[in-house]
Amino acid sequence: MLAYPPIGELLEKSGAKEYTLVIEAAKRARELNDEDPVVDCKTKKPVSNALEEVLAGRLKHKSVDEE
């Protein structure tokens, strides 16, 4: 169970729905396996780091219209 960062804050910060947030965090986690995170993270787990980037405002949700 994810305790930090709180899911409510992640959804509010990203502006995405739950499914979209999960997909985007998973994609970013795969990228983080090959590079360093853009924020100082409390853990070494790529998914947690991706979610911390969302909370920090570094990973933004892009709708289909924006692409």
C-alpha atoms as a PDB file:
ATOM      1  CA  MET A   1       0.000   0.000   0.000  1.00  0.00           C
ATOM      2  CA  LEU A   2       1.273   3.419  -0.952  1.00  0.00           C
ATOM      3  CA  ALA A   3       1.620   5.645   2.109  1.00  0.00           C
ATOM      4  CA  TYR A   4       3.738   8.433   0.667  1.00  0.00           C
ATOM      5  CA  PRO A   5       3.053  10.367  -1.420  1.00  0.00           C
ATOM      6  CA  PRO A   6      -0.701  10.375  -0.704  1.00  0.00           C
ATOM      7  CA  ILE A   7      -2.791   9.348  -3.719  1.00  0.00           C
ATOM      8  CA  GLY A   8      -5.162  12.300  -3.287  1.00  0.00           C
ATOM      9  CA  GLU A   9      -2.311  14.785  -3.527  1.00  0.00           C
ATOM     10  CA  LEU A  10      -0.878  12.977  -6.557  1.00  0.00           C
ATOM     11  CA  LEU A  11      -4.198  13.077  -8.401  1.00  0.00           C
ATOM     12  CA  GLU A  12      -4.701  16.745  -7.552  1.00  0.00           C
ATOM     13  CA  LYS A  13      -1.162  17.705  -8.571  1.00  0.00           C
ATOM     14  CA  SER A  14      -1.186  15.750 -11.840  1.00  0.00           C
ATOM     15  CA  GLY A  15      -4.708  16.616 -12.937  1.00  0.00           C
ATOM     16  CA  ALA A  16      -5.069  13.038 -14.179  1.00  0.00           C
ATOM     17  CA  LYS A  17      -7.409  10.201 -13.316  1.00  0.00           C
ATOM     18  CA  GLU A  18      -6.148   7.181 -11.362  1.00  0.00           C
ATOM     19  CA  TYR A  19      -5.551   4.954 -14.394  1.00  0.00           C
ATOM     20  CA  THR A  20      -3.700   7.680 -16.278  1.00  0.00           C
ATOM     21  CA  LEU A  21      -1.546   8.470 -13.258  1.00  0.00           C
ATOM     22  CA  VAL A  22      -0.574   4.805 -12.913  1.00  0.00           C
ATOM     23  CA  ILE A  23       0.328   4.484 -16.607  1.00  0.00           C
ATOM     24  CA  GLU A  24       2.369   7.696 -16.642  1.00  0.00           C
ATOM     25  CA  ALA A  25       4.190   6.777 -13.426  1.00  0.00           C
ATOM     26  CA  ALA A  26       5.004   3.331 -14.826  1.00  0.00           C
ATOM     27  CA  LYS A  27       6.381   4.835 -18.041  1.00  0.00           C
ATOM     28  CA  ARG A  28       8.506   7.287 -16.070  1.00  0.00           C
ATOM     29  CA  ALA A  29       9.702   4.496 -13.771  1.00  0.00           C
ATOM     30  CA  ARG A  30      10.971   2.606 -16.821  1.00  0.00           C
ATOM     31  CA  GLU A  31      12.846   5.740 -17.907  1.00  0.00           C
ATOM     32  CA  LEU A  32      14.325   6.119 -14.417  1.00  0.00           C
ATOM     33  CA  ASN A  33      15.866   2.672 -14.651  1.00  0.00           C
ATOM     34  CA  ASP A  34      18.262   4.185 -17.205  1.00  0.00           C
ATOM     35  CA  GLU A  35      18.705   7.694 -15.785  1.00  0.00           C
ATOM     36  CA  ASP A  36      18.641   9.722 -12.576  1.00  0.00           C
ATOM     37  CA  PRO A  37      15.452  11.229 -11.114  1.00  0.00           C
ATOM     38  CA  VAL A  38      14.968  14.983 -11.467  1.00  0.00           C
ATOM     39  CA  VAL A  39      14.119  15.433  -7.770  1.00  0.00           C
ATOM     40  CA  ASP A  40      15.821  14.229  -4.598  1.00  0.00           C
ATOM     41  CA  CYS A  41      13.948  11.076  -3.679  1.00  0.00           C
ATOM     42  CA  LYS A  42      13.621   9.274  -0.367  1.00  0.00           C
ATOM     43  CA  THR A  43      13.801   5.837  -1.961  1.00  0.00           C
ATOM     44  CA  LYS A  44      15.603   4.048  -4.750  1.00  0.00           C
ATOM     45  CA  LYS A  45      12.467   2.430  -6.164  1.00  0.00           C
ATOM     46  CA  PRO A  46      11.730   3.828  -9.651  1.00  0.00           C
ATOM     47  CA  VAL A  47       7.930   3.877  -9.248  1.00  0.00           C
ATOM     48  CA  SER A  48       8.182   5.751  -5.945  1.00  0.00           C
ATOM     49  CA  ASN A  49      10.635   8.185  -7.525  1.00  0.00           C
ATOM     50  CA  ALA A  50       8.252   8.777 -10.437  1.00  0.00           C
ATOM     51  CA  LEU A  51       5.403   9.499  -8.025  1.00  0.00           C
ATOM     52  CA  GLU A  52       7.614  11.894  -6.062  1.00  0.00           C
ATOM     53  CA  GLU A  53       8.331  13.696  -9.346  1.00  0.00           C
ATOM     54  CA  VAL A  54       4.569  14.038  -9.884  1.00  0.00           C
ATOM     55  CA  LEU A  55       4.168  15.476  -6.393  1.00  0.00           C
ATOM     56  CA  ALA A  56       7.050  17.905  -7.000  1.00  0.00           C
ATOM     57  CA  GLY A  57       5.395  19.082 -10.225  1.00  0.00           C
ATOM     58  CA  ARG A  58       8.161  17.720 -12.462  1.00  0.00           C
ATOM     59  CA  LEU A  59       6.009  15.108 -14.213  1.00  0.00           C
ATOM     60  CA  LYS A  60       2.912  16.586 -15.828  1.00  0.00           C
ATOM     61  CA  HIS A  61      -0.118  14.879 -17.311  1.00  0.00           C
ATOM     62  CA  LYS A  62      -0.526  15.417 -21.063  1.00  0.00           C
ATOM     63  CA  SER A  63      -3.956  14.890 -22.517  1.00  0.00           C
ATOM     64  CA  VAL A  64      -4.400  13.499 -26.026  1.00  0.00           C
ATOM     65  CA  ASP A  65      -5.248  17.013 -27.237  1.00  0.00           C
ATOM     66  CA  GLU A  66      -1.882  18.361 -26.013  1.00  0.00           C
ATOM     67  CA  GLU A  67       0.227  15.799 -27.886  1.00  0.00           C
END
